[in-house]
Protein backbone atom coordinates (compact mmCIF):
# COMPACT_ATOMS: atom_id res chain seq x y z
CA MET A 1 0.00 0.00 0.00
CA ARG A 2 1.33 3.41 -0.95
CA ILE A 3 0.31 6.65 0.73
CA VAL A 4 1.73 10.05 -0.25
CA GLY A 5 4.57 8.39 -2.15
CA ILE A 6 5.65 6.06 0.67
CA THR A 7 5.21 2.29 0.54
CA LEU A 8 4.09 0.98 3.90
CA PRO A 9 5.65 -2.22 5.25
CA GLU A 10 3.31 -5.14 4.46
CA ASN A 11 4.14 -7.47 7.35
CA LYS A 12 3.56 -4.94 10.12
CA ARG A 13 0.32 -4.12 11.88
CA VAL A 14 -1.27 -1.12 10.22
CA GLU A 15 -0.95 1.05 13.32
CA TYR A 16 2.85 0.65 13.21
CA ALA A 17 3.15 0.72 9.42
CA LEU A 18 1.54 4.18 9.31
CA THR A 19 4.36 5.56 11.46
CA ALA A 20 6.61 5.24 8.40
CA LEU A 21 4.91 8.41 7.16
CA TYR A 22 6.47 11.71 8.20
CA GLY A 23 4.59 13.34 11.08
CA ILE A 24 2.48 10.32 12.03
CA GLY A 25 3.18 8.72 15.37
CA ILE A 26 1.44 5.81 17.02
CA SER A 27 -1.34 7.89 18.60
CA THR A 28 -2.12 9.65 15.31
CA ALA A 29 -2.06 6.31 13.49
CA ARG A 30 -4.59 4.88 15.95
CA THR A 31 -6.83 7.93 15.50
CA ILE A 32 -6.65 7.54 11.70
CA LEU A 33 -7.60 3.87 11.94
CA LYS A 34 -10.45 4.62 14.33
CA ASP A 35 -11.83 7.26 11.95
CA ALA A 36 -11.44 4.87 9.00
CA LYS A 37 -13.11 2.06 11.00
CA VAL A 38 -10.14 -0.28 10.48
CA ASP A 39 -9.00 -2.82 13.08
CA VAL A 40 -5.59 -1.77 14.48
CA ALA A 41 -4.49 -5.41 14.65
CA LYS A 42 -4.75 -5.93 10.88
CA LYS A 43 -1.58 -6.20 8.84
CA SER A 44 -1.08 -3.87 5.90
CA LYS A 45 -1.21 -6.72 3.40
CA ASP A 46 -4.65 -7.81 4.70
CA LEU A 47 -6.41 -4.49 4.08
CA THR A 48 -9.25 -4.35 1.58
CA ALA A 49 -9.26 -1.74 -1.19
CA ASP A 50 -12.01 0.19 0.61
CA GLU A 51 -10.02 0.25 3.85
CA GLU A 52 -6.91 1.42 1.99
CA ASN A 53 -8.85 4.22 0.33
CA ALA A 54 -10.40 5.32 3.62
CA ILE A 55 -6.97 5.49 5.29
CA ARG A 56 -5.42 7.25 2.29
CA THR A 57 -8.19 9.89 2.25
CA ILE A 58 -7.76 10.65 5.95
CA VAL A 59 -3.95 10.80 5.78
CA GLU A 60 -4.01 13.12 2.76
CA SER A 61 -6.41 15.47 4.57
CA ILE A 62 -4.16 15.83 7.63
CA LYS A 63 -2.04 18.96 7.77
CA ILE A 64 1.37 18.04 9.19
CA GLU A 65 3.33 20.90 10.73
């Protein structure tokens, strides 16, 4: 899964994989997953296309400072 030009690690839980993105820590990643209604225990490779799109939409709307 790619978000904002970064490929997320496939074998990690999504909550930890999202921390590969600049400005996203574990608490922000958990908030993103909660808003996207995605289980934090899922691995990146197990996400459905709809879940990926929901996460991508939320991440792209976040303003990182």
